[in-house]
Amino acid sequence: MLKRAFVARNEIAHELDITKPKADVRARLETLQKRRSIGEIQGYVKEIINVGQLVINDVSGRLRVANYEQFRQARWEDITQKS
């Protein structure tokens, strides 16, 4: 699903590059555009958002572990010292 979402995203980006070509060329270029259903696009958007959330959750977990390790190795004086 994620791969299909990015393929569709790339296709849409290229389709949007078709801006005001000459009238005789426009009809041929418009045949490059694909029709996508709302449900299909919603599925792609949800998949990309879910993957983004997984990345955020993973980074958050790694930061918590890193901070815990840093905290665990710190001395009490280091922790209570005011900046």
PDB file of N, CA and C in Angstrom:
ATOM      1  N   MET A   1       0.828  -1.199   0.000  1.00  0.00           N
ATOM      2  CA  MET A   1       0.000   0.000   0.000  1.00  0.00           C
ATOM      3  C   MET A   1       0.865   1.252   0.000  1.00  0.00           C
ATOM      4  N   LEU A   2       1.918   1.248   0.823  1.00  0.00           N
ATOM      5  CA  LEU A   2       2.789   2.420   0.897  1.00  0.00           C
ATOM      6  C   LEU A   2       3.466   2.678  -0.449  1.00  0.00           C
ATOM      7  N   LYS A   3       3.935   1.619  -1.093  1.00  0.00           N
ATOM      8  CA  LYS A   3       4.577   1.784  -2.395  1.00  0.00           C
ATOM      9  C   LYS A   3       3.583   2.351  -3.407  1.00  0.00           C
ATOM     10  N   ARG A   4       2.366   1.840  -3.411  1.00  0.00           N
ATOM     11  CA  ARG A   4       1.344   2.348  -4.336  1.00  0.00           C
ATOM     12  C   ARG A   4       1.038   3.814  -4.047  1.00  0.00           C
ATOM     13  N   ALA A   5       1.039   4.182  -2.763  1.00  0.00           N
ATOM     14  CA  ALA A   5       0.775   5.572  -2.392  1.00  0.00           C
ATOM     15  C   ALA A   5       1.849   6.488  -2.953  1.00  0.00           C
ATOM     16  N   PHE A   6       3.099   6.083  -2.855  1.00  0.00           N
ATOM     17  CA  PHE A   6       4.176   6.930  -3.363  1.00  0.00           C
ATOM     18  C   PHE A   6       4.222   6.936  -4.884  1.00  0.00           C
ATOM     19  N   VAL A   7       3.854   5.839  -5.507  1.00  0.00           N
ATOM     20  CA  VAL A   7       3.763   5.826  -6.973  1.00  0.00           C
ATOM     21  C   VAL A   7       2.688   6.815  -7.411  1.00  0.00           C
ATOM     22  N   ALA A   8       1.525   6.780  -6.756  1.00  0.00           N
ATOM     23  CA  ALA A   8       0.443   7.715  -7.087  1.00  0.00           C
ATOM     24  C   ALA A   8       0.883   9.151  -6.834  1.00  0.00           C
ATOM     25  N   ARG A   9       1.572   9.386  -5.736  1.00  0.00           N
ATOM     26  CA  ARG A   9       2.063  10.731  -5.417  1.00  0.00           C
ATOM     27  C   ARG A   9       2.999  11.235  -6.503  1.00  0.00           C
ATOM     28  N   ASN A  10       3.902  10.386  -6.963  1.00  0.00           N
ATOM     29  CA  ASN A  10       4.826  10.783  -8.026  1.00  0.00           C
ATOM     30  C   ASN A  10       4.086  11.045  -9.333  1.00  0.00           C
ATOM     31  N   GLU A  11       3.097  10.213  -9.629  1.00  0.00           N
ATOM     32  CA  GLU A  11       2.307  10.423 -10.850  1.00  0.00           C
ATOM     33  C   GLU A  11       1.567  11.758 -10.785  1.00  0.00           C
ATOM     34  N   ILE A  12       0.970  12.039  -9.636  1.00  0.00           N
ATOM     35  CA  ILE A  12       0.231  13.298  -9.469  1.00  0.00           C
ATOM     36  C   ILE A  12       1.171  14.483  -9.612  1.00  0.00           C
ATOM     37  N   ALA A  13       2.363  14.384  -9.032  1.00  0.00           N
ATOM     38  CA  ALA A  13       3.337  15.475  -9.144  1.00  0.00           C
ATOM     39  C   ALA A  13       3.675  15.729 -10.609  1.00  0.00           C
ATOM     40  N   HIS A  14       3.854  14.675 -11.378  1.00  0.00           N
ATOM     41  CA  HIS A  14       4.160  14.846 -12.805  1.00  0.00           C
ATOM     42  C   HIS A  14       2.953  15.384 -13.562  1.00  0.00           C
ATOM     43  N   GLU A  15       1.757  14.938 -13.193  1.00  0.00           N
ATOM     44  CA  GLU A  15       0.551  15.443 -13.839  1.00  0.00           C
ATOM     45  C   GLU A  15       0.383  16.936 -13.585  1.00  0.00           C
ATOM     46  N   LEU A  16       0.748  17.375 -12.393  1.00  0.00           N
ATOM     47  CA  LEU A  16       0.628  18.795 -12.072  1.00  0.00           C
ATOM     48  C   LEU A  16       1.645  19.645 -12.831  1.00  0.00           C
ATOM     49  N   ASP A  17       2.681  19.011 -13.347  1.00  0.00           N
ATOM     50  CA  ASP A  17       3.670  19.734 -14.155  1.00  0.00           C
ATOM     51  C   ASP A  17       3.080  20.184 -15.489  1.00  0.00           C
ATOM     52  N   ILE A  18       1.947  19.615 -15.879  1.00  0.00           N
ATOM     53  CA  ILE A  18       1.299  19.966 -17.147  1.00  0.00           C
ATOM     54  C   ILE A  18       0.525  21.262 -16.912  1.00  0.00           C
ATOM     55  N   THR A  19       1.184  22.378 -17.097  1.00  0.00           N
ATOM     56  CA  THR A  19       0.538  23.667 -16.853  1.00  0.00           C
ATOM     57  C   THR A  19       0.509  24.495 -18.130  1.00  0.00           C
ATOM     58  N   LYS A  20      -0.664  24.769 -18.591  1.00  0.00           N
ATOM     59  CA  LYS A  20      -0.935  25.640 -19.730  1.00  0.00           C
ATOM     60  C   LYS A  20      -0.085  25.357 -20.967  1.00  0.00           C
ATOM     61  N   PRO A  21       0.019  24.089 -21.374  1.00  0.00           N
ATOM     62  CA  PRO A  21       0.726  23.862 -22.631  1.00  0.00           C
ATOM     63  C   PRO A  21      -0.131  24.370 -23.788  1.00  0.00           C
ATOM     64  N   LYS A  22       0.455  24.474 -24.945  1.00  0.00           N
ATOM     65  CA  LYS A  22      -0.294  24.924 -26.124  1.00  0.00           C
ATOM     66  C   LYS A  22      -1.502  24.019 -26.338  1.00  0.00           C
ATOM     67  N   ALA A  23      -2.566  24.585 -26.844  1.00  0.00           N
ATOM     68  CA  ALA A  23      -3.832  23.867 -26.986  1.00  0.00           C
ATOM     69  C   ALA A  23      -3.700  22.579 -27.786  1.00  0.00           C
ATOM     70  N   ASP A  24      -2.908  22.573 -28.852  1.00  0.00           N
ATOM     71  CA  ASP A  24      -2.785  21.377 -29.680  1.00  0.00           C
ATOM     72  C   ASP A  24      -2.052  20.251 -28.950  1.00  0.00           C
ATOM     73  N   VAL A  25      -1.252  20.587 -27.971  1.00  0.00           N
ATOM     74  CA  VAL A  25      -0.492  19.591 -27.222  1.00  0.00           C
ATOM     75  C   VAL A  25      -1.260  19.161 -25.961  1.00  0.00           C
ATOM     76  N   ARG A  26      -2.102  20.036 -25.465  1.00  0.00           N
ATOM     77  CA  ARG A  26      -2.765  19.807 -24.182  1.00  0.00           C
ATOM     78  C   ARG A  26      -3.588  18.511 -24.167  1.00  0.00           C
ATOM     79  N   ALA A  27      -4.365  18.251 -25.175  1.00  0.00           N
ATOM     80  CA  ALA A  27      -5.219  17.063 -25.193  1.00  0.00           C
ATOM     81  C   ALA A  27      -4.385  15.792 -25.037  1.00  0.00           C
ATOM     82  N   ARG A  28      -3.262  15.724 -25.733  1.00  0.00           N
ATOM     83  CA  ARG A  28      -2.390  14.550 -25.642  1.00  0.00           C
ATOM     84  C   ARG A  28      -1.811  14.425 -24.236  1.00  0.00           C
ATOM     85  N   LEU A  29      -1.416  15.543 -23.646  1.00  0.00           N
ATOM     86  CA  LEU A  29      -0.830  15.516 -22.304  1.00  0.00           C
ATOM     87  C   LEU A  29      -1.861  15.132 -21.246  1.00  0.00           C
ATOM     88  N   GLU A  30      -3.103  15.549 -21.443  1.00  0.00           N
ATOM     89  CA  GLU A  30      -4.136  15.236 -20.456  1.00  0.00           C
ATOM     90  C   GLU A  30      -4.466  13.752 -20.417  1.00  0.00           C
ATOM     91  N   THR A  31      -4.124  13.033 -21.460  1.00  0.00           N
ATOM     92  CA  THR A  31      -4.355  11.586 -21.425  1.00  0.00           C
ATOM     93  C   THR A  31      -3.415  10.901 -20.447  1.00  0.00           C
ATOM     94  N   LEU A  32      -2.373  11.595 -20.028  1.00  0.00           N
ATOM     95  CA  LEU A  32      -1.441  11.030 -19.049  1.00  0.00           C
ATOM     96  C   LEU A  32      -2.051  10.999 -17.646  1.00  0.00           C
ATOM     97  N   GLN A  33      -3.037  11.850 -17.404  1.00  0.00           N
ATOM     98  CA  GLN A  33      -3.647  11.929 -16.084  1.00  0.00           C
ATOM     99  C   GLN A  33      -4.511  10.699 -15.821  1.00  0.00           C
ATOM    100  N   LYS A  34      -4.406  10.189 -14.612  1.00  0.00           N
ATOM    101  CA  LYS A  34      -5.203   9.035 -14.208  1.00  0.00           C
ATOM    102  C   LYS A  34      -6.346   9.500 -13.318  1.00  0.00           C
ATOM    103  N   ARG A  35      -7.430   8.789 -13.400  1.00  0.00           N
ATOM    104  CA  ARG A  35      -8.561   9.034 -12.498  1.00  0.00           C
ATOM    105  C   ARG A  35      -8.356   8.166 -11.262  1.00  0.00           C
ATOM    106  N   ARG A  36      -8.517   8.773 -10.094  1.00  0.00           N
ATOM    107  CA  ARG A  36      -8.381   8.047  -8.840  1.00  0.00           C
ATOM    108  C   ARG A  36      -9.640   8.303  -8.015  1.00  0.00           C
ATOM    109  N   SER A  37     -10.116   7.270  -7.362  1.00  0.00           N
ATOM    110  CA  SER A  37     -11.319   7.437  -6.540  1.00  0.00           C
ATOM    111  C   SER A  37     -10.949   8.105  -5.217  1.00  0.00           C
ATOM    112  N   ILE A  38     -11.955   8.702  -4.600  1.00  0.00           N
ATOM    113  CA  ILE A  38     -11.740   9.326  -3.293  1.00  0.00           C
ATOM    114  C   ILE A  38     -11.283   8.276  -2.288  1.00  0.00           C
ATOM    115  N   GLY A  39     -11.899   7.095  -2.342  1.00  0.00           N
ATOM    116  CA  GLY A  39     -11.523   6.014  -1.423  1.00  0.00           C
ATOM    117  C   GLY A  39     -10.072   5.596  -1.602  1.00  0.00           C
ATOM    118  N   GLU A  40      -9.630   5.532  -2.848  1.00  0.00           N
ATOM    119  CA  GLU A  40      -8.236   5.164  -3.134  1.00  0.00           C
ATOM    120  C   GLU A  40      -7.281   6.201  -2.548  1.00  0.00           C
ATOM    121  N   ILE A  41      -7.574   7.466  -2.781  1.00  0.00           N
ATOM    122  CA  ILE A  41      -6.719   8.538  -2.258  1.00  0.00           C
ATOM    123  C   ILE A  41      -6.749   8.555  -0.734  1.00  0.00           C
ATOM    124  N   GLN A  42      -7.927   8.354  -0.141  1.00  0.00           N
ATOM    125  CA  GLN A  42      -8.022   8.311   1.325  1.00  0.00           C
ATOM    126  C   GLN A  42      -7.174   7.174   1.887  1.00  0.00           C
ATOM    127  N   GLY A  43      -7.198   6.034   1.233  1.00  0.00           N
ATOM    128  CA  GLY A  43      -6.376   4.908   1.677  1.00  0.00           C
ATOM    129  C   GLY A  43      -4.893   5.240   1.643  1.00  0.00           C
ATOM    130  N   TYR A  44      -4.462   5.903   0.565  1.00  0.00           N
ATOM    131  CA  TYR A  44      -3.054   6.292   0.447  1.00  0.00           C
ATOM    132  C   TYR A  44      -2.673   7.290   1.545  1.00  0.00           C
ATOM    133  N   VAL A  45      -3.544   8.278   1.753  1.00  0.00           N
ATOM    134  CA  VAL A  45      -3.256   9.303   2.765  1.00  0.00           C
ATOM    135  C   VAL A  45      -3.156   8.673   4.151  1.00  0.00           C
ATOM    136  N   LYS A  46      -4.101   7.790   4.478  1.00  0.00           N
ATOM    137  CA  LYS A  46      -4.071   7.131   5.790  1.00  0.00           C
ATOM    138  C   LYS A  46      -2.802   6.301   5.953  1.00  0.00           C
ATOM    139  N   GLU A  47      -2.393   5.611   4.907  1.00  0.00           N
ATOM    140  CA  GLU A  47      -1.176   4.791   4.978  1.00  0.00           C
ATOM    141  C   GLU A  47       0.053   5.658   5.216  1.00  0.00           C
ATOM    142  N   ILE A  48       0.157   6.760   4.487  1.00  0.00           N
ATOM    143  CA  ILE A  48       1.318   7.640   4.648  1.00  0.00           C
ATOM    144  C   ILE A  48       1.317   8.271   6.045  1.00  0.00           C
ATOM    145  N   ILE A  49       0.153   8.686   6.529  1.00  0.00           N
ATOM    146  CA  ILE A  49       0.075   9.258   7.882  1.00  0.00           C
ATOM    147  C   ILE A  49       0.448   8.200   8.926  1.00  0.00           C
ATOM    148  N   ASN A  50      -0.035   6.971   8.756  1.00  0.00           N
ATOM    149  CA  ASN A  50       0.297   5.899   9.702  1.00  0.00           C
ATOM    150  C   ASN A  50       1.801   5.626   9.722  1.00  0.00           C
ATOM    151  N   VAL A  51       2.419   5.601   8.563  1.00  0.00           N
ATOM    152  CA  VAL A  51       3.869   5.368   8.510  1.00  0.00           C
ATOM    153  C   VAL A  51       4.602   6.529   9.172  1.00  0.00           C
ATOM    154  N   GLY A  52       4.147   7.749   8.916  1.00  0.00           N
ATOM    155  CA  GLY A  52       4.755   8.909   9.572  1.00  0.00           C
ATOM    156  C   GLY A  52       4.644   8.810  11.083  1.00  0.00           C
ATOM    157  N   GLN A  53       3.490   8.364  11.569  1.00  0.00           N
ATOM    158  CA  GLN A  53       3.298   8.208  13.012  1.00  0.00           C
ATOM    159  C   GLN A  53       4.222   7.140  13.573  1.00  0.00           C
ATOM    160  N   LEU A  54       4.414   6.057  12.840  1.00  0.00           N
ATOM    161  CA  LEU A  54       5.343   5.009  13.285  1.00  0.00           C
ATOM    162  C   LEU A  54       6.764   5.545  13.404  1.00  0.00           C
ATOM    163  N   VAL A  55       7.160   6.378  12.457  1.00  0.00           N
ATOM    164  CA  VAL A  55       8.504   6.977  12.514  1.00  0.00           C
ATOM    165  C   VAL A  55       8.613   7.880  13.736  1.00  0.00           C
ATOM    166  N   ILE A  56       7.604   8.717  13.961  1.00  0.00           N
ATOM    167  CA  ILE A  56       7.613   9.616  15.127  1.00  0.00           C
ATOM    168  C   ILE A  56       7.664   8.811  16.423  1.00  0.00           C
ATOM    169  N   ASN A  57       6.859   7.751  16.513  1.00  0.00           N
ATOM    170  CA  ASN A  57       6.854   6.914  17.723  1.00  0.00           C
ATOM    171  C   ASN A  57       8.209   6.261  17.953  1.00  0.00           C
ATOM    172  N   ASP A  58       8.835   5.800  16.875  1.00  0.00           N
ATOM    173  CA  ASP A  58      10.140   5.160  17.001  1.00  0.00           C
ATOM    174  C   ASP A  58      11.193   6.152  17.493  1.00  0.00           C
ATOM    175  N   VAL A  59      11.204   7.343  16.904  1.00  0.00           N
ATOM    176  CA  VAL A  59      12.173   8.365  17.324  1.00  0.00           C
ATOM    177  C   VAL A  59      11.924   8.753  18.774  1.00  0.00           C
ATOM    178  N   SER A  60      10.655   8.912  19.144  1.00  0.00           N
ATOM    179  CA  SER A  60      10.317   9.263  20.518  1.00  0.00           C
ATOM    180  C   SER A  60      10.830   8.208  21.497  1.00  0.00           C
ATOM    181  N   GLY A  61      10.617   6.940  21.167  1.00  0.00           N
ATOM    182  CA  GLY A  61      11.100   5.859  22.021  1.00  0.00           C
ATOM    183  C   GLY A  61      12.613   5.847  22.136  1.00  0.00           C
ATOM    184  N   ARG A  62      13.279   6.086  21.019  1.00  0.00           N
ATOM    185  CA  ARG A  62      14.746   6.115  21.050  1.00  0.00           C
ATOM    186  C   ARG A  62      15.268   7.276  21.892  1.00  0.00           C
ATOM    187  N   LEU A  63      14.593   8.420  21.810  1.00  0.00           N
ATOM    188  CA  LEU A  63      15.004   9.566  22.625  1.00  0.00           C
ATOM    189  C   LEU A  63      14.788   9.297  24.107  1.00  0.00           C
ATOM    190  N   ARG A  64      13.665   8.643  24.437  1.00  0.00           N
ATOM    191  CA  ARG A  64      13.413   8.303  25.850  1.00  0.00           C
ATOM    192  C   ARG A  64      14.507   7.390  26.380  1.00  0.00           C
ATOM    193  N   VAL A  65      14.882   6.386  25.603  1.00  0.00           N
ATOM    194  CA  VAL A  65      15.933   5.456  26.025  1.00  0.00           C
ATOM    195  C   VAL A  65      17.251   6.202  26.163  1.00  0.00           C
ATOM    196  N   ALA A  66      17.560   7.060  25.191  1.00  0.00           N
ATOM    197  CA  ALA A  66      18.818   7.820  25.249  1.00  0.00           C
ATOM    198  C   ALA A  66      18.843   8.713  26.484  1.00  0.00           C
ATOM    199  N   ASN A  67      17.734   9.398  26.770  1.00  0.00           N
ATOM    200  CA  ASN A  67      17.676  10.272  27.945  1.00  0.00           C
ATOM    201  C   ASN A  67      17.763   9.463  29.229  1.00  0.00           C
ATOM    202  N   TYR A  68      17.147   8.280  29.259  1.00  0.00           N
ATOM    203  CA  TYR A  68      17.216   7.433  30.436  1.00  0.00           C
ATOM    204  C   TYR A  68      18.653   6.990  30.669  1.00  0.00           C
ATOM    205  N   GLU A  69      19.332   6.570  29.616  1.00  0.00           N
ATOM    206  CA  GLU A  69      20.728   6.136  29.759  1.00  0.00           C
ATOM    207  C   GLU A  69      21.596   7.294  30.238  1.00  0.00           C
ATOM    208  N   GLN A  70      21.361   8.474  29.677  1.00  0.00           N
ATOM    209  CA  GLN A  70      22.124   9.652  30.091  1.00  0.00           C
ATOM    210  C   GLN A  70      21.817   9.963  31.564  1.00  0.00           C
ATOM    211  N   PHE A  71      20.562   9.877  31.948  1.00  0.00           N
ATOM    212  CA  PHE A  71      20.151  10.131  33.326  1.00  0.00           C
ATOM    213  C   PHE A  71      20.759   9.089  34.265  1.00  0.00           C
ATOM    214  N   ARG A  72      20.733   7.830  33.846  1.00  0.00           N
ATOM    215  CA  ARG A  72      21.232   6.745  34.680  1.00  0.00           C
ATOM    216  C   ARG A  72      22.730   6.903  34.960  1.00  0.00           C
ATOM    217  N   GLN A  73      23.459   7.420  34.007  1.00  0.00           N
ATOM    218  CA  GLN A  73      24.908   7.561  34.150  1.00  0.00           C
ATOM    219  C   GLN A  73      25.303   8.862  34.846  1.00  0.00           C
ATOM    220  N   ALA A  74      24.338   9.769  35.013  1.00  0.00           N
ATOM    221  CA  ALA A  74      24.657  11.067  35.617  1.00  0.00           C
ATOM    222  C   ALA A  74      24.813  10.935  37.134  1.00  0.00           C
ATOM    223  N   ARG A  75      25.565  11.848  37.704  1.00  0.00           N
ATOM    224  CA  ARG A  75      25.691  11.911  39.158  1.00  0.00           C
ATOM    225  C   ARG A  75      24.597  12.810  39.706  1.00  0.00           C
ATOM    226  N   TRP A  76      24.240  12.606  40.959  1.00  0.00           N
ATOM    227  CA  TRP A  76      23.185  13.410  41.581  1.00  0.00           C
ATOM    228  C   TRP A  76      23.505  14.907  41.482  1.00  0.00           C
ATOM    229  N   GLU A  77      24.755  15.263  41.658  1.00  0.00           N
ATOM    230  CA  GLU A  77      25.150  16.668  41.599  1.00  0.00           C
ATOM    231  C   GLU A  77      24.891  17.246  40.205  1.00  0.00           C
ATOM    232  N   ASP A  78      25.118  16.434  39.178  1.00  0.00           N
ATOM    233  CA  ASP A  78      24.886  16.891  37.806  1.00  0.00           C
ATOM    234  C   ASP A  78      23.391  17.153  37.560  1.00  0.00           C
ATOM    235  N   ILE A  79      22.554  16.303  38.136  1.00  0.00           N
ATOM    236  CA  ILE A  79      21.118  16.395  37.906  1.00  0.00           C
ATOM    237  C   ILE A  79      20.538  17.595  38.637  1.00  0.00           C
ATOM    238  N   THR A  80      20.979  17.841  39.859  1.00  0.00           N
ATOM    239  CA  THR A  80      20.389  18.905  40.678  1.00  0.00           C
ATOM    240  C   THR A  80      21.052  20.252  40.463  1.00  0.00           C
ATOM    241  N   GLN A  81      22.126  20.287  39.706  1.00  0.00           N
ATOM    242  CA  GLN A  81      22.848  21.549  39.471  1.00  0.00           C
ATOM    243  C   GLN A  81      21.979  22.472  38.618  1.00  0.00           C
ATOM    244  N   LYS A  82      21.878  23.718  39.067  1.00  0.00           N
ATOM    245  CA  LYS A  82      21.081  24.703  38.311  1.00  0.00           C
ATOM    246  C   LYS A  82      21.935  25.299  37.202  1.00  0.00           C
ATOM    247  N   SER A  83      21.286  25.554  36.091  1.00  0.00           N
ATOM    248  CA  SER A  83      21.992  26.146  34.934  1.00  0.00           C
ATOM    249  C   SER A  83      22.254  27.594  35.134  1.00  0.00           C
TER     250      SER A  83
END
